[in-house]
C-alpha atoms as a PDB file:
ATOM      1  CA  MET A   1      53.609  79.480  94.256  1.00  0.00           C
ATOM      2  CA  ILE A   2      50.267  79.667  95.328  1.00  0.00           C
ATOM      3  CA  SER A   3      47.777  76.840  94.274  1.00  0.00           C
ATOM      4  CA  ASP A   4      45.044  77.860  92.920  1.00  0.00           C
ATOM      5  CA  SER A   5      43.281  74.312  93.821  1.00  0.00           C
ATOM      6  CA  GLN A   6      43.972  74.560  98.005  1.00  0.00           C
ATOM      7  CA  ALA A   7      43.967  78.719  97.692  1.00  0.00           C
ATOM      8  CA  LEU A   8      42.563  80.275 100.798  1.00  0.00           C
ATOM      9  CA  PRO A   9      39.784  83.237 100.061  1.00  0.00           C
ATOM     10  CA  THR A  10      41.563  86.338 101.844  1.00  0.00           C
ATOM     11  CA  LEU A  11      39.328  88.194 103.532  1.00  0.00           C
ATOM     12  CA  SER A  12      38.275  91.895 103.323  1.00  0.00           C
ATOM     13  CA  ALA A  13      39.368  93.425 106.384  1.00  0.00           C
ATOM     14  CA  LYS A  14      40.600  97.205 107.265  1.00  0.00           C
ATOM     15  CA  GLN A  15      43.218  97.956 110.129  1.00  0.00           C
ATOM     16  CA  GLU A  16      42.580 100.665 112.398  1.00  0.00           C
ATOM     17  CA  ARG A  17      44.749 102.622 114.998  1.00  0.00           C
ATOM     18  CA  GLN A  18      43.752 103.973 117.973  1.00  0.00           C
ATOM     19  CA  SER A  19      45.149 105.392 121.469  1.00  0.00           C
ATOM     20  CA  GLY A  20      48.015 103.147 120.421  1.00  0.00           C
ATOM     21  CA  ARG A  21      46.362  99.856 119.366  1.00  0.00           C
ATOM     22  CA  GLN A  22      45.461  97.941 116.706  1.00  0.00           C
ATOM     23  CA  TYR A  23      42.850  96.675 115.219  1.00  0.00           C
ATOM     24  CA  TYR A  24      41.488  94.596 112.446  1.00  0.00           C
ATOM     25  CA  VAL A  25      37.708  95.672 111.077  1.00  0.00           C
ATOM     26  CA  ASN A  26      35.810  93.297 108.534  1.00  0.00           C
ATOM     27  CA  ASP A  27      33.348  94.108 106.343  1.00  0.00           C
ATOM     28  CA  ARG A  28      31.281  93.393 108.630  1.00  0.00           C
ATOM     29  CA  GLY A  29      31.950  96.058 110.770  1.00  0.00           C
ATOM     30  CA  ASP A  30      32.734  93.642 113.582  1.00  0.00           C
ATOM     31  CA  ARG A  31      35.753  94.945 114.951  1.00  0.00           C
ATOM     32  CA  LEU A  32      38.822  93.192 116.987  1.00  0.00           C
ATOM     33  CA  PRO A  33      42.378  94.230 118.535  1.00  0.00           C
ATOM     34  CA  SER A  34      44.973  92.233 116.782  1.00  0.00           C
ATOM     35  CA  VAL A  35      47.821  89.168 118.451  1.00  0.00           C
ATOM     36  CA  SER A  36      50.353  92.215 118.863  1.00  0.00           C
ATOM     37  CA  THR A  37      47.678  94.723 120.544  1.00  0.00           C
ATOM     38  CA  ILE A  38      47.108  91.978 123.085  1.00  0.00           C
ATOM     39  CA  LEU A  39      50.466  91.012 123.909  1.00  0.00           C
ATOM     40  CA  ASN A  40      51.794  94.423 124.645  1.00  0.00           C
ATOM     41  CA  ALA A  41      49.219  94.801 126.915  1.00  0.00           C
ATOM     42  CA  THR A  42      49.160  91.755 128.829  1.00  0.00           C
ATOM     43  CA  ARG A  43      53.260  92.043 129.466  1.00  0.00           C
ATOM     44  CA  SER A  44      53.975  90.176 132.411  1.00  0.00           C
ATOM     45  CA  GLN A  45      55.843  92.944 135.213  1.00  0.00           C
ATOM     46  CA  GLN A  46      58.704  91.694 134.262  1.00  0.00           C
ATOM     47  CA  GLN A  47      59.159  91.801 130.581  1.00  0.00           C
ATOM     48  CA  ARG A  48      57.730  95.412 131.105  1.00  0.00           C
ATOM     49  CA  ASP A  49      61.073  95.627 133.646  1.00  0.00           C
ATOM     50  CA  ALA A  50      63.296  94.035 131.222  1.00  0.00           C
ATOM     51  CA  LEU A  51      62.322  96.454 128.737  1.00  0.00           C
ATOM     52  CA  ALA A  52      63.026  99.541 130.865  1.00  0.00           C
ATOM     53  CA  GLN A  53      66.717  98.262 131.639  1.00  0.00           C
ATOM     54  CA  TRP A  54      67.247  97.918 128.338  1.00  0.00           C
ATOM     55  CA  ARG A  55      65.801 101.207 127.402  1.00  0.00           C
ATOM     56  CA  GLY A  56      67.259 102.977 130.353  1.00  0.00           C
ATOM     57  CA  ARG A  57      70.943 100.879 129.719  1.00  0.00           C
ATOM     58  CA  VAL A  58      71.009 102.360 125.945  1.00  0.00           C
ATOM     59  CA  GLY A  59      68.760 105.312 126.207  1.00  0.00           C
ATOM     60  CA  VAL A  60      65.428 106.227 124.462  1.00  0.00           C
ATOM     61  CA  GLU A  61      67.048 107.899 121.333  1.00  0.00           C
ATOM     62  CA  GLU A  62      69.397 104.724 120.838  1.00  0.00           C
ATOM     63  CA  ALA A  63      66.309 102.106 122.612  1.00  0.00           C
ATOM     64  CA  ALA A  64      63.691 104.023 118.992  1.00  0.00           C
ATOM     65  CA  ARG A  65      66.494 104.077 116.571  1.00  0.00           C
ATOM     66  CA  ILE A  66      66.846 100.291 117.201  1.00  0.00           C
ATOM     67  CA  SER A  67      63.200  99.625 117.346  1.00  0.00           C
ATOM     68  CA  GLY A  68      62.603 101.643 114.360  1.00  0.00           C
ATOM     69  CA  THR A  69      65.466 100.118 112.425  1.00  0.00           C
ATOM     70  CA  ALA A  70      64.069  96.456 113.285  1.00  0.00           C
ATOM     71  CA  SER A  71      60.589  97.053 112.706  1.00  0.00           C
ATOM     72  CA  ARG A  72      61.535  98.059 108.830  1.00  0.00           C
ATOM     73  CA  ARG A  73      64.472  95.052 108.528  1.00  0.00           C
ATOM     74  CA  GLY A  74      60.970  92.980 109.108  1.00  0.00           C
ATOM     75  CA  THR A  75      59.098  94.653 107.117  1.00  0.00           C
ATOM     76  CA  GLY A  76      61.187  94.919 104.103  1.00  0.00           C
ATOM     77  CA  THR A  77      62.299  90.823 104.664  1.00  0.00           C
ATOM     78  CA  HIS A  78      58.459  90.311 104.567  1.00  0.00           C
ATOM     79  CA  LYS A  79      57.461  92.280 101.786  1.00  0.00           C
ATOM     80  CA  GLN A  80      60.161  90.119  99.743  1.00  0.00           C
ATOM     81  CA  VAL A  81      59.396  86.363 100.695  1.00  0.00           C
ATOM     82  CA  GLN A  82      55.644  87.249 100.041  1.00  0.00           C
ATOM     83  CA  ARG A  83      56.286  88.450  96.566  1.00  0.00           C
ATOM     84  CA  TYR A  84      58.427  85.114  95.811  1.00  0.00           C
ATOM     85  CA  LEU A  85      55.852  83.165  97.343  1.00  0.00           C
ATOM     86  CA  GLN A  86      53.523  85.266  95.351  1.00  0.00           C
ATOM     87  CA  GLY A  87      55.664  84.287  92.406  1.00  0.00           C
ATOM     88  CA  GLU A  88      57.057  87.296  91.180  1.00  0.00           C
ATOM     89  CA  VAL A  89      60.753  89.035  91.154  1.00  0.00           C
ATOM     90  CA  VAL A  90      62.584  89.431  94.478  1.00  0.00           C
ATOM     91  CA  THR A  91      63.523  93.055  94.102  1.00  0.00           C
ATOM     92  CA  CYS A  92      65.765  93.105  97.213  1.00  0.00           C
ATOM     93  CA  PRO A  93      67.446  96.583  98.451  1.00  0.00           C
ATOM     94  CA  ASP A  94      71.193  95.903  99.880  1.00  0.00           C
ATOM     95  CA  GLY A  95      70.041  96.774 103.608  1.00  0.00           C
ATOM     96  CA  ILE A  96      67.268  93.580 103.564  1.00  0.00           C
ATOM     97  CA  LYS A  97      69.565  91.579 100.857  1.00  0.00           C
ATOM     98  CA  PRO A  98      71.729  89.469 104.126  1.00  0.00           C
ATOM     99  CA  TYR A  99      68.319  88.464 105.844  1.00  0.00           C
ATOM    100  CA  TRP A 100      67.207  87.892 101.791  1.00  0.00           C
ATOM    101  CA  GLU A 101      69.981  85.294 101.475  1.00  0.00           C
ATOM    102  CA  SER A 102      69.567  83.826 105.312  1.00  0.00           C
ATOM    103  CA  ILE A 103      66.100  83.040 104.939  1.00  0.00           C
ATOM    104  CA  LYS A 104      65.715  82.211 100.772  1.00  0.00           C
ATOM    105  CA  PRO A 105      66.604  78.257 101.363  1.00  0.00           C
ATOM    106  CA  VAL A 106      64.197  77.816 103.810  1.00  0.00           C
ATOM    107  CA  LEU A 107      61.642  79.710 100.877  1.00  0.00           C
ATOM    108  CA  PHE A 108      62.921  77.073  98.816  1.00  0.00           C
ATOM    109  CA  ALA A 109      61.798  74.360 100.666  1.00  0.00           C
ATOM    110  CA  VAL A 110      58.043  75.818 101.395  1.00  0.00           C
ATOM    111  CA  ASP A 111      54.984  75.017  98.181  1.00  0.00           C
ATOM    112  CA  ALA A 112      51.735  73.798  98.158  1.00  0.00           C
ATOM    113  CA  VAL A 113      51.060  78.037  99.344  1.00  0.00           C
ATOM    114  CA  ARG A 114      47.637  78.512 100.199  1.00  0.00           C
ATOM    115  CA  LEU A 115      47.343  81.805 101.795  1.00  0.00           C
ATOM    116  CA  VAL A 116      49.804  84.717 102.250  1.00  0.00           C
ATOM    117  CA  GLU A 117      49.644  87.384 103.997  1.00  0.00           C
ATOM    118  CA  GLY A 118      46.314  87.201 104.636  1.00  0.00           C
ATOM    119  CA  THR A 119      44.115  88.755 107.597  1.00  0.00           C
ATOM    120  CA  VAL A 120      42.565  85.811 110.185  1.00  0.00           C
ATOM    121  CA  PHE A 121      39.743  86.350 112.665  1.00  0.00           C
ATOM    122  CA  HIS A 122      39.226  84.761 116.208  1.00  0.00           C
ATOM    123  CA  HIS A 123      35.255  86.565 116.705  1.00  0.00           C
ATOM    124  CA  GLU A 124      34.613  83.588 119.764  1.00  0.00           C
ATOM    125  CA  LEU A 125      38.133  84.676 121.229  1.00  0.00           C
ATOM    126  CA  GLY A 126      38.338  87.777 120.406  1.00  0.00           C
ATOM    127  CA  TYR A 127      41.334  88.781 118.514  1.00  0.00           C
ATOM    128  CA  ALA A 128      42.545  89.659 114.362  1.00  0.00           C
ATOM    129  CA  GLY A 129      46.010  89.369 112.545  1.00  0.00           C
ATOM    130  CA  LYS A 130      47.840  88.874 109.985  1.00  0.00           C
ATOM    131  CA  VAL A 131      48.951  85.126 109.298  1.00  0.00           C
ATOM    132  CA  ASP A 132      52.417  85.246 107.073  1.00  0.00           C
ATOM    133  CA  CYS A 133      51.772  82.374 105.215  1.00  0.00           C
ATOM    134  CA  VAL A 134      49.396  78.781 105.271  1.00  0.00           C
ATOM    135  CA  ALA A 135      52.313  76.166 102.984  1.00  0.00           C
ATOM    136  CA  SER A 136      53.278  72.907 103.180  1.00  0.00           C
ATOM    137  CA  TYR A 137      57.135  73.194 104.499  1.00  0.00           C
ATOM    138  CA  GLU A 138      59.230  70.142 103.356  1.00  0.00           C
ATOM    139  CA  GLY A 139      56.419  67.844 102.638  1.00  0.00           C
ATOM    140  CA  VAL A 140      54.532  69.043 105.356  1.00  0.00           C
ATOM    141  CA  PRO A 141      51.263  71.111 106.297  1.00  0.00           C
ATOM    142  CA  CYS A 142      51.532  74.043 108.626  1.00  0.00           C
ATOM    143  CA  LEU A 143      51.779  77.950 109.480  1.00  0.00           C
ATOM    144  CA  CYS A 144      55.059  79.591 108.522  1.00  0.00           C
ATOM    145  CA  GLU A 145      55.738  82.817 110.499  1.00  0.00           C
ATOM    146  CA  TRP A 146      58.565  85.373 109.240  1.00  0.00           C
ATOM    147  CA  LYS A 147      60.908  86.765 111.733  1.00  0.00           C
ATOM    148  CA  THR A 148      64.576  88.954 111.566  1.00  0.00           C
ATOM    149  CA  ALA A 149      67.412  89.081 114.299  1.00  0.00           C
ATOM    150  CA  ASP A 150      70.783  90.326 114.796  1.00  0.00           C
ATOM    151  CA  ARG A 151      71.718  86.760 116.274  1.00  0.00           C
ATOM    152  CA  PRO A 152      70.077  83.216 116.855  1.00  0.00           C
ATOM    153  CA  LYS A 153      67.852  83.091 119.489  1.00  0.00           C
ATOM    154  CA  HIS A 154      69.216  79.000 120.222  1.00  0.00           C
ATOM    155  CA  SER A 155      65.560  78.232 122.112  1.00  0.00           C
ATOM    156  CA  LEU A 156      61.779  78.828 121.927  1.00  0.00           C
ATOM    157  CA  GLU A 157      62.774  80.322 125.611  1.00  0.00           C
ATOM    158  CA  ARG A 158      64.314  82.916 124.255  1.00  0.00           C
ATOM    159  CA  LEU A 159      61.239  84.185 122.285  1.00  0.00           C
ATOM    160  CA  ASN A 160      59.472  86.086 124.476  1.00  0.00           C
ATOM    161  CA  ASP A 161      56.348  86.156 122.892  1.00  0.00           C
ATOM    162  CA  TYR A 162      57.308  85.446 119.425  1.00  0.00           C
ATOM    163  CA  PRO A 163      56.068  81.085 119.969  1.00  0.00           C
ATOM    164  CA  LEU A 164      52.414  82.933 121.732  1.00  0.00           C
ATOM    165  CA  GLN A 165      52.170  84.958 118.000  1.00  0.00           C
ATOM    166  CA  VAL A 166      52.875  81.147 116.367  1.00  0.00           C
ATOM    167  CA  VAL A 167      50.100  79.810 117.880  1.00  0.00           C
ATOM    168  CA  ALA A 168      47.628  82.732 117.838  1.00  0.00           C
ATOM    169  CA  TYR A 169      47.293  82.872 114.128  1.00  0.00           C
ATOM    170  CA  TRP A 170      47.175  79.176 113.977  1.00  0.00           C
ATOM    171  CA  GLY A 171      44.488  79.201 116.031  1.00  0.00           C
ATOM    172  CA  ALA A 172      42.593  82.631 114.158  1.00  0.00           C
ATOM    173  CA  VAL A 173      43.625  79.905 110.733  1.00  0.00           C
ATOM    174  CA  HIS A 174      41.602  77.402 111.729  1.00  0.00           C
ATOM    175  CA  HIS A 175      38.874  79.027 113.547  1.00  0.00           C
ATOM    176  CA  THR A 176      38.370  81.310 110.170  1.00  0.00           C
ATOM    177  CA  TYR A 177      38.694  78.821 107.927  1.00  0.00           C
ATOM    178  CA  GLN A 178      37.161  75.829 109.396  1.00  0.00           C
ATOM    179  CA  ASP A 179      35.275  74.821 106.135  1.00  0.00           C
ATOM    180  CA  TYR A 180      38.010  74.463 104.215  1.00  0.00           C
ATOM    181  CA  ASP A 181      39.497  71.521 105.385  1.00  0.00           C
ATOM    182  CA  VAL A 182      42.459  73.110 107.411  1.00  0.00           C
ATOM    183  CA  ASN A 183      44.138  70.737 109.610  1.00  0.00           C
ATOM    184  CA  LEU A 184      47.023  71.665 110.855  1.00  0.00           C
ATOM    185  CA  HIS A 185      48.953  70.064 113.343  1.00  0.00           C
ATOM    186  CA  HIS A 186      52.329  72.154 113.052  1.00  0.00           C
ATOM    187  CA  ALA A 187      53.569  75.402 112.700  1.00  0.00           C
ATOM    188  CA  LEU A 188      57.022  76.758 111.752  1.00  0.00           C
ATOM    189  CA  LEU A 189      59.021  79.670 112.773  1.00  0.00           C
ATOM    190  CA  ALA A 190      61.809  80.744 110.738  1.00  0.00           C
ATOM    191  CA  ILE A 191      64.053  84.350 111.849  1.00  0.00           C
ATOM    192  CA  ALA A 192      66.161  85.162 109.509  1.00  0.00           C
ATOM    193  CA  ILE A 193      70.351  86.186 110.975  1.00  0.00           C
ATOM    194  CA  PRO A 194      72.399  88.070 108.170  1.00  0.00           C
ATOM    195  CA  ASP A 195      76.057  85.966 107.698  1.00  0.00           C
ATOM    196  CA  LEU A 196      74.034  82.731 108.874  1.00  0.00           C
ATOM    197  CA  PRO A 197      71.094  80.004 107.883  1.00  0.00           C
ATOM    198  CA  ALA A 198      68.000  81.032 109.266  1.00  0.00           C
ATOM    199  CA  GLU A 199      66.893  79.685 112.360  1.00  0.00           C
ATOM    200  CA  ILE A 200      64.477  76.901 112.408  1.00  0.00           C
ATOM    201  CA  PHE A 201      61.552  76.301 115.363  1.00  0.00           C
ATOM    202  CA  TRP A 202      59.479  73.332 114.725  1.00  0.00           C
ATOM    203  CA  PHE A 203      56.281  73.598 115.915  1.00  0.00           C
ATOM    204  CA  ASP A 204      54.331  70.150 116.892  1.00  0.00           C
ATOM    205  CA  SER A 205      51.079  69.429 118.627  1.00  0.00           C
ATOM    206  CA  GLU A 206      52.369  69.216 122.145  1.00  0.00           C
ATOM    207  CA  THR A 207      53.939  72.857 121.424  1.00  0.00           C
ATOM    208  CA  ILE A 208      51.166  74.065 119.786  1.00  0.00           C
ATOM    209  CA  ASN A 209      48.920  72.966 123.063  1.00  0.00           C
ATOM    210  CA  TYR A 210      51.271  73.777 125.100  1.00  0.00           C
ATOM    211  CA  TYR A 211      51.749  77.571 124.250  1.00  0.00           C
ATOM    212  CA  TRP A 212      47.611  77.575 123.190  1.00  0.00           C
ATOM    213  CA  GLN A 213      47.306  77.539 126.927  1.00  0.00           C
ATOM    214  CA  GLN A 214      49.395  80.502 127.712  1.00  0.00           C
ATOM    215  CA  TRP A 215      47.573  82.499 124.714  1.00  0.00           C
ATOM    216  CA  GLU A 216      44.215  82.147 125.689  1.00  0.00           C
ATOM    217  CA  ALA A 217      45.421  83.068 129.467  1.00  0.00           C
ATOM    218  CA  ARG A 218      46.415  86.336 127.429  1.00  0.00           C
ATOM    219  CA  VAL A 219      43.581  86.826 125.504  1.00  0.00           C
ATOM    220  CA  ALA A 220      41.168  86.044 128.347  1.00  0.00           C
ATOM    221  CA  LEU A 221      43.336  88.687 130.929  1.00  0.00           C
ATOM    222  CA  PHE A 222      43.427  91.190 127.723  1.00  0.00           C
ATOM    223  CA  TRP A 223      38.883  91.449 127.840  1.00  0.00           C
ATOM    224  CA  ARG A 224      39.243  90.607 131.627  1.00  0.00           C
ATOM    225  CA  ARG A 225      40.653  94.504 131.289  1.00  0.00           C
ATOM    226  CA  GLN A 226      38.266  95.534 129.082  1.00  0.00           C
ATOM    227  CA  GLY A 227      35.285  95.219 131.015  1.00  0.00           C
ATOM    228  CA  GLY A 228      34.499  91.882 130.452  1.00  0.00           C
ATOM    229  CA  ARG A 229      32.488  91.490 127.314  1.00  0.00           C
ATOM    230  CA  LEU A 230      34.232  91.444 123.599  1.00  0.00           C
ATOM    231  CA  LYS A 231      33.719  94.893 121.722  1.00  0.00           C
ATOM    232  CA  TYR A 232      33.461  94.405 118.156  1.00  0.00           C
ATOM    233  CA  GLU A 233      31.642  98.126 117.074  1.00  0.00           C
ATOM    234  CA  GLY A 234      33.772 100.327 115.498  1.00  0.00           C
END
């Protein structure tokens, strides 16, 4: 499904982990923290308390099991979506199939694919990440992010830091591909839910700008806590 005439070049980059944090290193040796690393390191006290209370309710072992299951289903669903968008055969395991069936109708409305699972860097702000997809949804160019959940979220306010992830990747795509006529005014967040159609959250320019300001503040806080400067060196 990737259009050769519009495809964005894939960057060469490797991932590193240090002290529980994830970093991306490009072929020049620039080393930047991932979006998830920045979000985890800058959670509010309210977010930390809520997480601690949840772990206290369900127990440490059960919390680890739930988190591990969610991570595996998310990775598995991403893999099938990636295969589909790259025109490969989808071979869906039973545990992933309910999520695949949920998100499949959304994918049918995706075309003009320019990038799938591409690493992007924002050198000015100092972060990196792997974007799920740059394409068009129902004919509108946008950044696409795929998630999974056990039940509907109903509103952006109940998505925790997901909207910040979306706009972080949106900004990094524009920074990375500023010479490739990438001009996205919209973003799509689709959440696959078993036995239900995927939940769709559509970001217009106003919504993107709203969350972008919050994301910039989180990045600035992260770097202030690191000593106030970017650290590219490996």
